[in-house]
Every structure is written in C-alpha cells, then in structure tokens.
Amino acid sequence: MGNSSITATLFRDVLGNLAIFFMILVLLILPLVNDPTKADDEPPPGLIQFVACWPDDADVDVDVWSLAPGDDPVGFKRRDGKVWTLVRDDLGLKFGDSDNCEVVIARSTPAGEYVVNLHAYSARPVEWPVAVQFTAIIRSNSYTQTIRKGVVNLRSVGDEKTAVRFRIDAAGKLVGGSVGDVFSSMQR
C-alpha cells in the first residue's frame, strides 16, 4: 500500500467522524428549538396601542397622556406606569425627526376605565388649529379591534383634549357602548 492510499483512508475517516459529530450535535440541539406551530397554553395579556400623528410641517410638540385604572397618568414626565408605557415621545421638528408621532402601549388590560388625552405642549410659529390623527387599538390572541380612530383639533399651546375614553371588562375586552371622548384633564 502506498502513502497516498493511507492518506485517502485517513481523510475519509476524518470526514466520516465529522459527519457523525454534526449529526449527534443536531440531534442534541433539536429538542431545544421552539416549535412555532405549538400554541401557548395561556394567551398573553391584552395590549392596547394608541398612536397620534400630526402634519409633518406643523412644528408643534404634541404630547400623549394616558391613564389606566388604579394608576397615575403616563406622559413625557412619567414614561412608565403600571399599565401604560410611552414608547415614542416626539419633540417636534426642531429635533430633526421627519415624522410627528407619539405612541403609547398598555402592557396589560386590567378592568376599568382608560383615558387618552392629547396636549399641545409647545409650538414654534405654527398655524392653528393643528389636526392630530389618532388610532386606538386593542389586541389579544383571539382578536384585534379598533377602539376609535379620529382627529382632534388642538387650537393653541396648552390646549388639552380627550381623544378616547373607554372601559375594559375583567376578560380584557372592550365594554360595548363605553367608548367616548368626555374630557378629563391630566395636566396638574
């Protein structure tokens, strides 16, 4: 037997051993991979999302303030509460972003009344009123429902208006007939 046949045999043995090693590795890792088709035993808590946007050329700082049952208002001064979190705080055009939007989300949906207000915090020279479009959505594993969509016209600096007010039941669902916009101030 020549040297080249020994080298070829050793090469095949090393490749065979590597193939066996990788197969064993795959078999050990497979049970650790999460099965995406497997449904969770428990649905995640509900989620409410509120998005408010105003014209890109309106150099105004509009703030979203949200209130959940048994909590204090959440806004730029207090970004997190027991339920609501201010995800995006837009400060207007002077800070260089291209879109004027604020976003708050609720990490859970305890039963009770929810209120979301819009507040014209500050403005550089701007033509009033500023039309702020908003969408409030509730989501769970089984459904997504628009709570309310609309436009709120803020008329001057300091103007505060309730965009949406609604109730959630103990099952985390929107209470029929509870959606409205009766004003409740959060500016203290």
N, C-alpha and C. Protein backbone atom coordinates (compact mmCIF):
# COMPACT_ATOMS: atom_id res chain seq x y z
N MET A 1 0.83 -1.17 0.00
CA MET A 1 0.00 0.00 0.00
C MET A 1 0.87 1.24 0.00
N GLY A 2 0.44 2.20 -0.80
CA GLY A 2 1.23 3.41 -0.90
C GLY A 2 0.78 4.45 0.10
N ASN A 3 1.62 5.46 0.19
CA ASN A 3 1.34 6.58 1.09
C ASN A 3 0.05 7.30 0.73
N SER A 4 -0.25 7.42 -0.54
CA SER A 4 -1.44 8.16 -0.97
C SER A 4 -2.72 7.44 -0.58
N SER A 5 -2.71 6.08 -0.57
CA SER A 5 -3.92 5.37 -0.17
C SER A 5 -4.16 5.48 1.33
N ILE A 6 -3.10 5.52 2.14
CA ILE A 6 -3.24 5.72 3.60
C ILE A 6 -3.80 7.12 3.87
N THR A 7 -3.29 8.11 3.16
CA THR A 7 -3.77 9.49 3.31
C THR A 7 -5.23 9.58 2.92
N ALA A 8 -5.62 8.93 1.83
CA ALA A 8 -7.02 8.95 1.39
C ALA A 8 -7.91 8.27 2.41
N THR A 9 -7.48 7.17 3.00
CA THR A 9 -8.26 6.47 4.01
C THR A 9 -8.42 7.32 5.27
N LEU A 10 -7.34 7.94 5.72
CA LEU A 10 -7.40 8.83 6.88
C LEU A 10 -8.35 10.01 6.61
N PHE A 11 -8.29 10.58 5.42
CA PHE A 11 -9.14 11.70 5.05
C PHE A 11 -10.62 11.30 5.11
N ARG A 12 -10.95 10.10 4.54
CA ARG A 12 -12.34 9.60 4.58
C ARG A 12 -12.79 9.35 6.02
N ASP A 13 -11.90 8.81 6.85
CA ASP A 13 -12.24 8.56 8.25
C ASP A 13 -12.52 9.87 9.00
N VAL A 14 -11.70 10.87 8.78
CA VAL A 14 -11.91 12.18 9.43
C VAL A 14 -13.23 12.78 8.97
N LEU A 15 -13.51 12.74 7.67
CA LEU A 15 -14.78 13.27 7.16
C LEU A 15 -15.97 12.49 7.72
N GLY A 16 -15.85 11.19 7.81
CA GLY A 16 -16.93 10.37 8.38
C GLY A 16 -17.18 10.71 9.84
N ASN A 17 -16.09 10.86 10.61
CA ASN A 17 -16.22 11.22 12.02
C ASN A 17 -16.85 12.62 12.19
N LEU A 18 -16.46 13.55 11.32
CA LEU A 18 -17.06 14.90 11.38
C LEU A 18 -18.56 14.86 11.07
N ALA A 19 -18.93 14.03 10.09
CA ALA A 19 -20.35 13.91 9.74
C ALA A 19 -21.13 13.32 10.92
N ILE A 20 -20.59 12.31 11.56
CA ILE A 20 -21.25 11.71 12.73
C ILE A 20 -21.35 12.72 13.87
N PHE A 21 -20.28 13.49 14.10
CA PHE A 21 -20.27 14.51 15.15
C PHE A 21 -21.37 15.55 14.91
N PHE A 22 -21.51 16.04 13.67
CA PHE A 22 -22.53 17.04 13.37
C PHE A 22 -23.95 16.47 13.47
N MET A 23 -24.13 15.20 13.11
CA MET A 23 -25.46 14.59 13.25
C MET A 23 -25.83 14.48 14.73
N ILE A 24 -24.89 14.07 15.57
CA ILE A 24 -25.15 13.99 17.02
C ILE A 24 -25.46 15.38 17.57
N LEU A 25 -24.71 16.37 17.14
CA LEU A 25 -24.92 17.76 17.58
C LEU A 25 -26.33 18.24 17.21
N VAL A 26 -26.75 17.95 15.99
CA VAL A 26 -28.11 18.33 15.55
C VAL A 26 -29.15 17.62 16.38
N LEU A 27 -28.97 16.35 16.64
CA LEU A 27 -29.93 15.59 17.44
C LEU A 27 -30.00 16.11 18.87
N LEU A 28 -28.90 16.60 19.41
CA LEU A 28 -28.91 17.18 20.76
C LEU A 28 -29.58 18.56 20.80
N ILE A 29 -29.45 19.33 19.73
CA ILE A 29 -30.00 20.69 19.69
C ILE A 29 -31.48 20.71 19.35
N LEU A 30 -31.95 19.78 18.53
CA LEU A 30 -33.35 19.78 18.08
C LEU A 30 -34.38 19.90 19.20
N PRO A 31 -34.25 19.19 20.31
CA PRO A 31 -35.26 19.33 21.36
C PRO A 31 -35.29 20.73 21.98
N LEU A 32 -34.22 21.47 21.85
CA LEU A 32 -34.15 22.80 22.43
C LEU A 32 -34.79 23.87 21.54
N VAL A 33 -35.06 23.55 20.29
CA VAL A 33 -35.64 24.51 19.36
C VAL A 33 -37.14 24.62 19.65
N ASN A 34 -37.64 25.87 19.71
CA ASN A 34 -39.06 26.12 19.98
C ASN A 34 -39.89 25.78 18.75
N ASP A 35 -40.94 25.04 18.95
CA ASP A 35 -41.84 24.66 17.87
C ASP A 35 -42.82 25.80 17.60
N PRO A 36 -42.70 26.49 16.45
CA PRO A 36 -43.58 27.64 16.19
C PRO A 36 -45.03 27.25 15.98
N THR A 37 -45.32 26.00 15.69
CA THR A 37 -46.70 25.58 15.47
C THR A 37 -47.40 25.25 16.79
N LYS A 38 -46.63 25.11 17.86
CA LYS A 38 -47.20 24.78 19.16
C LYS A 38 -47.86 26.02 19.75
N ALA A 39 -49.12 25.92 20.10
CA ALA A 39 -49.85 27.05 20.69
C ALA A 39 -49.47 27.19 22.16
N ASP A 40 -49.44 28.43 22.62
CA ASP A 40 -49.19 28.68 24.04
C ASP A 40 -50.39 28.19 24.85
N ASP A 41 -50.11 27.69 26.03
CA ASP A 41 -51.19 27.23 26.89
C ASP A 41 -52.04 28.39 27.37
N GLU A 42 -51.42 29.52 27.61
CA GLU A 42 -52.11 30.68 28.15
C GLU A 42 -51.96 31.86 27.20
N PRO A 43 -53.05 32.52 26.85
CA PRO A 43 -52.90 33.68 25.96
C PRO A 43 -52.18 34.82 26.67
N PRO A 44 -51.43 35.63 25.93
CA PRO A 44 -50.74 36.75 26.56
C PRO A 44 -51.76 37.78 27.02
N PRO A 45 -51.37 38.65 27.95
CA PRO A 45 -52.30 39.68 28.39
C PRO A 45 -52.63 40.60 27.21
N GLY A 46 -53.79 41.23 27.29
CA GLY A 46 -54.21 42.12 26.23
C GLY A 46 -53.23 43.26 26.04
N LEU A 47 -53.37 43.95 24.95
CA LEU A 47 -52.49 45.05 24.63
C LEU A 47 -53.32 46.13 23.98
N ILE A 48 -53.12 47.35 24.43
CA ILE A 48 -53.77 48.49 23.81
C ILE A 48 -52.67 49.36 23.22
N GLN A 49 -52.88 49.82 22.01
CA GLN A 49 -51.92 50.69 21.35
C GLN A 49 -52.63 51.97 20.95
N PHE A 50 -52.00 53.11 21.23
CA PHE A 50 -52.55 54.40 20.84
C PHE A 50 -51.45 55.15 20.09
N VAL A 51 -51.76 55.56 18.85
CA VAL A 51 -50.80 56.29 18.02
C VAL A 51 -51.44 57.62 17.62
N ALA A 52 -50.72 58.71 17.83
CA ALA A 52 -51.18 60.04 17.44
C ALA A 52 -50.14 60.68 16.53
N CYS A 53 -50.58 61.18 15.36
CA CYS A 53 -49.69 61.82 14.40
C CYS A 53 -50.30 63.14 13.95
N TRP A 54 -49.45 64.11 13.68
CA TRP A 54 -49.90 65.40 13.19
C TRP A 54 -49.04 65.78 12.00
N PRO A 55 -49.47 66.78 11.21
CA PRO A 55 -48.76 67.09 9.95
C PRO A 55 -47.26 67.31 10.16
N ASP A 56 -46.50 66.79 9.19
CA ASP A 56 -45.03 66.88 9.27
C ASP A 56 -44.52 68.32 9.29
N ASP A 57 -45.28 69.24 8.69
CA ASP A 57 -44.81 70.63 8.64
C ASP A 57 -45.28 71.44 9.85
N ALA A 58 -46.05 70.86 10.75
CA ALA A 58 -46.50 71.57 11.95
C ALA A 58 -45.44 71.41 13.04
N ASP A 59 -44.70 72.47 13.29
CA ASP A 59 -43.62 72.41 14.27
C ASP A 59 -44.18 72.63 15.66
N VAL A 60 -44.87 71.60 16.14
CA VAL A 60 -45.51 71.66 17.45
C VAL A 60 -45.18 70.38 18.20
N ASP A 61 -45.04 70.49 19.50
CA ASP A 61 -44.80 69.32 20.35
C ASP A 61 -46.14 68.93 20.96
N VAL A 62 -46.75 67.89 20.42
CA VAL A 62 -48.00 67.36 20.96
C VAL A 62 -47.64 66.18 21.87
N ASP A 63 -48.19 66.18 23.06
CA ASP A 63 -47.92 65.08 23.99
C ASP A 63 -49.16 64.22 24.17
N VAL A 64 -48.92 62.93 24.28
CA VAL A 64 -49.99 61.97 24.60
C VAL A 64 -49.89 61.68 26.09
N TRP A 65 -51.02 61.76 26.77
CA TRP A 65 -51.11 61.40 28.17
C TRP A 65 -52.14 60.29 28.30
N SER A 66 -51.80 59.22 29.01
CA SER A 66 -52.70 58.08 29.14
C SER A 66 -52.88 57.74 30.61
N LEU A 67 -54.09 57.27 30.91
CA LEU A 67 -54.43 56.92 32.29
C LEU A 67 -55.11 55.56 32.30
N ALA A 68 -54.66 54.68 33.18
CA ALA A 68 -55.25 53.35 33.33
C ALA A 68 -55.86 53.24 34.73
N PRO A 69 -56.73 52.26 34.93
CA PRO A 69 -57.35 52.09 36.25
C PRO A 69 -56.31 51.91 37.35
N GLY A 70 -56.47 52.64 38.43
CA GLY A 70 -55.60 52.49 39.60
C GLY A 70 -54.18 52.97 39.40
N ASP A 71 -53.95 53.86 38.43
CA ASP A 71 -52.59 54.32 38.16
C ASP A 71 -52.59 55.83 38.00
N ASP A 72 -51.40 56.41 37.95
CA ASP A 72 -51.24 57.84 37.68
C ASP A 72 -51.04 58.03 36.18
N PRO A 73 -51.27 59.25 35.66
CA PRO A 73 -51.09 59.49 34.22
C PRO A 73 -49.66 59.21 33.75
N VAL A 74 -49.57 58.71 32.52
CA VAL A 74 -48.29 58.45 31.88
C VAL A 74 -48.14 59.41 30.71
N GLY A 75 -46.99 60.07 30.63
CA GLY A 75 -46.68 61.01 29.55
C GLY A 75 -45.20 61.29 29.61
N PHE A 76 -44.78 62.43 29.04
CA PHE A 76 -43.33 62.69 28.96
C PHE A 76 -42.69 62.87 30.34
N LYS A 77 -43.44 63.30 31.35
CA LYS A 77 -42.88 63.47 32.70
C LYS A 77 -42.75 62.15 33.45
N ARG A 78 -43.61 61.19 33.10
CA ARG A 78 -43.62 59.86 33.73
C ARG A 78 -43.89 58.85 32.62
N ARG A 79 -42.84 58.29 32.08
CA ARG A 79 -42.93 57.48 30.86
C ARG A 79 -43.51 56.08 31.07
N ASP A 80 -43.46 55.57 32.29
CA ASP A 80 -43.96 54.22 32.57
C ASP A 80 -44.88 54.24 33.77
N GLY A 81 -45.95 53.48 33.66
CA GLY A 81 -46.85 53.28 34.77
C GLY A 81 -47.03 51.79 34.98
N LYS A 82 -48.04 51.43 35.75
CA LYS A 82 -48.33 50.02 35.98
C LYS A 82 -48.81 49.35 34.69
N VAL A 83 -49.49 50.12 33.83
CA VAL A 83 -50.08 49.57 32.61
C VAL A 83 -49.48 50.21 31.36
N TRP A 84 -49.52 51.54 31.27
CA TRP A 84 -49.09 52.26 30.06
C TRP A 84 -47.59 52.51 30.04
N THR A 85 -47.03 52.55 28.82
CA THR A 85 -45.65 52.97 28.58
C THR A 85 -45.63 53.90 27.39
N LEU A 86 -44.99 55.06 27.55
CA LEU A 86 -44.78 55.97 26.43
C LEU A 86 -43.60 55.43 25.63
N VAL A 87 -43.90 54.90 24.45
CA VAL A 87 -42.88 54.25 23.62
C VAL A 87 -42.13 55.28 22.78
N ARG A 88 -42.85 56.27 22.26
CA ARG A 88 -42.23 57.29 21.41
C ARG A 88 -42.73 58.66 21.81
N ASP A 89 -41.81 59.53 22.23
CA ASP A 89 -42.11 60.91 22.61
C ASP A 89 -41.52 61.81 21.54
N ASP A 90 -42.36 62.40 20.71
CA ASP A 90 -41.90 63.27 19.63
C ASP A 90 -41.81 64.70 20.15
N LEU A 91 -40.70 65.36 19.90
CA LEU A 91 -40.49 66.71 20.40
C LEU A 91 -40.68 67.78 19.33
N GLY A 92 -41.11 67.41 18.14
CA GLY A 92 -41.31 68.38 17.07
C GLY A 92 -40.13 68.44 16.12
N LEU A 93 -40.27 69.30 15.12
CA LEU A 93 -39.28 69.35 14.03
C LEU A 93 -37.91 69.84 14.45
N LYS A 94 -37.83 70.64 15.50
CA LYS A 94 -36.52 71.20 15.87
C LYS A 94 -35.51 70.13 16.26
N PHE A 95 -35.97 68.93 16.54
CA PHE A 95 -35.06 67.86 16.92
C PHE A 95 -34.71 66.94 15.76
N GLY A 96 -35.14 67.29 14.54
CA GLY A 96 -34.65 66.63 13.34
C GLY A 96 -35.33 65.35 12.91
N ASP A 97 -36.37 64.91 13.58
CA ASP A 97 -37.03 63.71 13.05
C ASP A 97 -38.01 64.12 11.96
N SER A 98 -38.36 63.19 11.11
CA SER A 98 -39.14 63.53 9.93
C SER A 98 -40.64 63.30 10.10
N ASP A 99 -41.04 62.64 11.16
CA ASP A 99 -42.48 62.43 11.33
C ASP A 99 -42.89 62.83 12.75
N ASN A 100 -44.05 63.40 12.84
CA ASN A 100 -44.58 63.86 14.11
C ASN A 100 -45.58 62.83 14.63
N CYS A 101 -45.12 61.91 15.46
CA CYS A 101 -45.99 60.87 16.02
C CYS A 101 -45.56 60.54 17.44
N GLU A 102 -46.54 60.25 18.27
CA GLU A 102 -46.28 59.72 19.61
C GLU A 102 -47.04 58.41 19.74
N VAL A 103 -46.46 57.48 20.52
CA VAL A 103 -47.05 56.15 20.68
C VAL A 103 -47.00 55.75 22.15
N VAL A 104 -48.15 55.26 22.65
CA VAL A 104 -48.20 54.65 23.98
C VAL A 104 -48.80 53.25 23.82
N ILE A 105 -48.34 52.32 24.66
CA ILE A 105 -48.91 50.97 24.66
C ILE A 105 -49.25 50.58 26.09
N ALA A 106 -50.24 49.72 26.21
CA ALA A 106 -50.59 49.14 27.51
C ALA A 106 -50.10 47.70 27.51
N ARG A 107 -49.34 47.35 28.53
CA ARG A 107 -48.77 46.00 28.63
C ARG A 107 -49.77 44.99 29.16
N SER A 108 -50.85 45.47 29.76
CA SER A 108 -51.91 44.59 30.26
C SER A 108 -53.22 45.36 30.18
N THR A 109 -54.30 44.68 30.47
CA THR A 109 -55.61 45.33 30.37
C THR A 109 -56.45 45.05 31.61
N PRO A 110 -56.09 45.64 32.75
CA PRO A 110 -56.93 45.45 33.92
C PRO A 110 -58.30 46.09 33.69
N ALA A 111 -59.30 45.54 34.34
CA ALA A 111 -60.67 46.04 34.18
C ALA A 111 -60.75 47.47 34.71
N GLY A 112 -61.53 48.29 34.00
CA GLY A 112 -61.76 49.66 34.45
C GLY A 112 -61.75 50.63 33.29
N GLU A 113 -61.67 51.92 33.64
CA GLU A 113 -61.73 52.98 32.64
C GLU A 113 -60.34 53.45 32.23
N TYR A 114 -60.18 53.70 30.93
CA TYR A 114 -58.95 54.18 30.33
C TYR A 114 -59.24 55.53 29.68
N VAL A 115 -58.27 56.45 29.77
CA VAL A 115 -58.42 57.75 29.15
C VAL A 115 -57.11 58.08 28.44
N VAL A 116 -57.20 58.61 27.21
CA VAL A 116 -56.01 59.07 26.49
C VAL A 116 -56.28 60.49 26.01
N ASN A 117 -55.39 61.40 26.42
CA ASN A 117 -55.52 62.81 26.06
C ASN A 117 -54.39 63.25 25.13
N LEU A 118 -54.67 64.31 24.39
CA LEU A 118 -53.67 64.98 23.56
C LEU A 118 -53.49 66.38 24.11
N HIS A 119 -52.23 66.83 24.20
CA HIS A 119 -51.92 68.12 24.80
C HIS A 119 -50.91 68.86 23.93
N ALA A 120 -51.25 70.08 23.53
CA ALA A 120 -50.31 70.93 22.75
C ALA A 120 -49.32 71.52 23.74
N TYR A 121 -48.17 70.90 23.85
CA TYR A 121 -47.19 71.30 24.86
C TYR A 121 -46.48 72.59 24.49
N SER A 122 -45.94 72.63 23.28
CA SER A 122 -45.25 73.85 22.85
C SER A 122 -45.31 73.94 21.34
N ALA A 123 -45.02 75.15 20.87
CA ALA A 123 -45.04 75.36 19.42
C ALA A 123 -44.12 76.49 19.06
N ARG A 124 -43.51 76.34 17.93
CA ARG A 124 -42.82 77.45 17.31
C ARG A 124 -43.90 78.11 16.45
N PRO A 125 -43.61 79.11 15.66
CA PRO A 125 -44.69 79.71 14.86
C PRO A 125 -45.40 78.62 14.05
N VAL A 126 -46.66 78.43 14.33
CA VAL A 126 -47.44 77.38 13.68
C VAL A 126 -48.84 77.92 13.44
N GLU A 127 -49.45 77.43 12.40
CA GLU A 127 -50.81 77.84 12.09
C GLU A 127 -51.78 76.94 12.85
N TRP A 128 -52.59 77.54 13.69
CA TRP A 128 -53.56 76.79 14.48
C TRP A 128 -54.88 76.73 13.74
N PRO A 129 -55.72 75.74 13.90
CA PRO A 129 -55.53 74.57 14.75
C PRO A 129 -54.62 73.53 14.10
N VAL A 130 -54.07 72.64 14.92
CA VAL A 130 -53.29 71.51 14.44
C VAL A 130 -54.17 70.27 14.55
N ALA A 131 -54.36 69.60 13.41
CA ALA A 131 -55.18 68.38 13.38
C ALA A 131 -54.32 67.18 13.73
N VAL A 132 -54.64 66.53 14.82
CA VAL A 132 -53.90 65.35 15.26
C VAL A 132 -54.75 64.12 14.99
N GLN A 133 -54.27 63.24 14.12
CA GLN A 133 -54.98 62.00 13.81
C GLN A 133 -54.54 60.94 14.81
N PHE A 134 -55.50 60.12 15.25
CA PHE A 134 -55.15 59.09 16.22
C PHE A 134 -55.88 57.80 15.91
N THR A 135 -55.30 56.70 16.39
CA THR A 135 -55.90 55.38 16.31
C THR A 135 -55.64 54.67 17.63
N ALA A 136 -56.70 54.10 18.21
CA ALA A 136 -56.58 53.31 19.43
C ALA A 136 -57.04 51.90 19.08
N ILE A 137 -56.20 50.91 19.38
CA ILE A 137 -56.47 49.51 19.02
C ILE A 137 -56.26 48.63 20.25
N ILE A 138 -57.11 47.63 20.41
CA ILE A 138 -56.92 46.62 21.46
C ILE A 138 -56.67 45.29 20.76
N ARG A 139 -55.72 44.51 21.31
CA ARG A 139 -55.36 43.22 20.70
C ARG A 139 -55.29 42.15 21.77
N SER A 140 -55.59 40.94 21.37
CA SER A 140 -55.37 39.76 22.21
C SER A 140 -55.07 38.62 21.25
N ASN A 141 -54.92 37.41 21.77
CA ASN A 141 -54.67 36.26 20.89
C ASN A 141 -55.81 36.03 19.93
N SER A 142 -57.04 36.29 20.38
CA SER A 142 -58.19 35.91 19.58
C SER A 142 -58.74 37.02 18.69
N TYR A 143 -58.41 38.28 18.95
CA TYR A 143 -58.97 39.33 18.10
C TYR A 143 -58.16 40.62 18.17
N THR A 144 -58.37 41.46 17.17
CA THR A 144 -57.87 42.83 17.15
C THR A 144 -59.07 43.71 16.85
N GLN A 145 -59.23 44.75 17.63
CA GLN A 145 -60.38 45.62 17.46
C GLN A 145 -59.94 47.08 17.54
N THR A 146 -60.39 47.88 16.58
CA THR A 146 -60.14 49.31 16.65
C THR A 146 -61.11 49.90 17.65
N ILE A 147 -60.57 50.53 18.67
CA ILE A 147 -61.41 51.16 19.68
C ILE A 147 -61.99 52.45 19.11
N ARG A 148 -61.11 53.27 18.54
CA ARG A 148 -61.56 54.54 17.97
C ARG A 148 -60.46 55.11 17.09
N LYS A 149 -60.87 55.72 15.98
CA LYS A 149 -59.99 56.48 15.10
C LYS A 149 -60.61 57.86 14.99
N GLY A 150 -59.80 58.88 14.81
CA GLY A 150 -60.37 60.20 14.67
C GLY A 150 -59.34 61.29 14.54
N VAL A 151 -59.83 62.52 14.64
CA VAL A 151 -59.00 63.71 14.56
C VAL A 151 -59.37 64.62 15.72
N VAL A 152 -58.36 65.14 16.39
CA VAL A 152 -58.56 66.13 17.44
C VAL A 152 -57.88 67.40 16.98
N ASN A 153 -58.60 68.52 17.01
CA ASN A 153 -58.02 69.81 16.63
C ASN A 153 -57.56 70.54 17.88
N LEU A 154 -56.24 70.68 18.01
CA LEU A 154 -55.68 71.46 19.11
C LEU A 154 -55.57 72.90 18.63
N ARG A 155 -56.07 73.84 19.42
CA ARG A 155 -56.24 75.22 18.97
C ARG A 155 -55.14 76.19 19.39
N SER A 156 -54.37 75.84 20.44
CA SER A 156 -53.29 76.74 20.89
C SER A 156 -52.41 75.99 21.87
N VAL A 157 -51.27 76.59 22.21
CA VAL A 157 -50.37 75.98 23.19
C VAL A 157 -51.13 75.84 24.51
N GLY A 158 -51.01 74.66 25.11
CA GLY A 158 -51.69 74.38 26.37
C GLY A 158 -53.03 73.70 26.21
N ASP A 159 -53.55 73.67 24.99
CA ASP A 159 -54.85 73.03 24.75
C ASP A 159 -54.73 71.54 25.01
N GLU A 160 -55.67 70.99 25.77
CA GLU A 160 -55.69 69.57 26.09
C GLU A 160 -57.10 69.03 25.81
N LYS A 161 -57.15 67.91 25.09
CA LYS A 161 -58.44 67.30 24.75
C LYS A 161 -58.35 65.80 24.93
N THR A 162 -59.47 65.20 25.33
CA THR A 162 -59.54 63.75 25.44
C THR A 162 -59.82 63.18 24.06
N ALA A 163 -58.93 62.31 23.60
CA ALA A 163 -59.09 61.66 22.29
C ALA A 163 -60.01 60.46 22.41
N VAL A 164 -59.83 59.69 23.47
CA VAL A 164 -60.66 58.49 23.66
C VAL A 164 -60.73 58.15 25.13
N ARG A 165 -61.90 57.67 25.50
CA ARG A 165 -62.17 57.21 26.85
C ARG A 165 -62.99 55.94 26.69
N PHE A 166 -62.62 54.86 27.39
CA PHE A 166 -63.32 53.58 27.22
C PHE A 166 -63.14 52.71 28.45
N ARG A 167 -63.91 51.64 28.50
CA ARG A 167 -63.84 50.70 29.62
C ARG A 167 -63.47 49.31 29.09
N ILE A 168 -62.70 48.59 29.91
CA ILE A 168 -62.32 47.21 29.63
C ILE A 168 -62.91 46.34 30.74
N ASP A 169 -63.47 45.18 30.36
CA ASP A 169 -64.06 44.29 31.36
C ASP A 169 -62.99 43.35 31.93
N ALA A 170 -63.41 42.48 32.87
CA ALA A 170 -62.48 41.57 33.56
C ALA A 170 -61.83 40.57 32.61
N ALA A 171 -62.46 40.32 31.45
CA ALA A 171 -61.90 39.39 30.47
C ALA A 171 -60.93 40.09 29.51
N GLY A 172 -60.71 41.39 29.71
CA GLY A 172 -59.79 42.13 28.85
C GLY A 172 -60.41 42.59 27.55
N LYS A 173 -61.73 42.62 27.49
CA LYS A 173 -62.43 43.02 26.27
C LYS A 173 -63.05 44.41 26.45
N LEU A 174 -63.22 45.09 25.33
CA LEU A 174 -63.83 46.40 25.31
C LEU A 174 -65.31 46.29 25.71
N VAL A 175 -65.74 47.12 26.64
CA VAL A 175 -67.14 47.13 27.06
C VAL A 175 -67.94 47.90 26.02
N GLY A 176 -68.95 47.24 25.45
CA GLY A 176 -69.78 47.86 24.43
C GLY A 176 -70.44 49.14 24.94
N GLY A 177 -70.46 50.17 24.11
CA GLY A 177 -71.09 51.43 24.47
C GLY A 177 -70.27 52.31 25.39
N SER A 178 -69.05 51.90 25.73
CA SER A 178 -68.26 52.68 26.68
C SER A 178 -67.30 53.67 26.02
N VAL A 179 -67.18 53.63 24.71
CA VAL A 179 -66.21 54.47 24.02
C VAL A 179 -66.76 55.88 23.86
N GLY A 180 -65.97 56.87 24.23
CA GLY A 180 -66.38 58.26 24.09
C GLY A 180 -65.18 59.18 24.17
N ASP A 181 -65.47 60.47 24.33
CA ASP A 181 -64.38 61.45 24.44
C ASP A 181 -64.71 62.56 25.45
N VAL A 182 -65.45 62.21 26.50
CA VAL A 182 -65.76 63.18 27.55
C VAL A 182 -64.44 63.60 28.19
N PHE A 183 -64.20 64.91 28.26
CA PHE A 183 -62.92 65.44 28.71
C PHE A 183 -62.63 65.13 30.17
N SER A 184 -61.37 64.75 30.42
CA SER A 184 -60.84 64.53 31.77
C SER A 184 -59.39 65.01 31.75
N SER A 185 -59.10 66.11 32.41
CA SER A 185 -57.76 66.69 32.39
C SER A 185 -56.74 65.84 33.11
N MET A 186 -55.54 65.75 32.53
CA MET A 186 -54.42 65.07 33.19
C MET A 186 -53.30 66.04 33.50
N GLN A 187 -53.45 67.31 33.13
CA GLN A 187 -52.42 68.31 33.39
C GLN A 187 -52.63 68.86 34.78
N ARG A 188 -51.65 68.67 35.64
CA ARG A 188 -51.77 69.11 37.03
C ARG A 188 -50.74 70.14 37.36
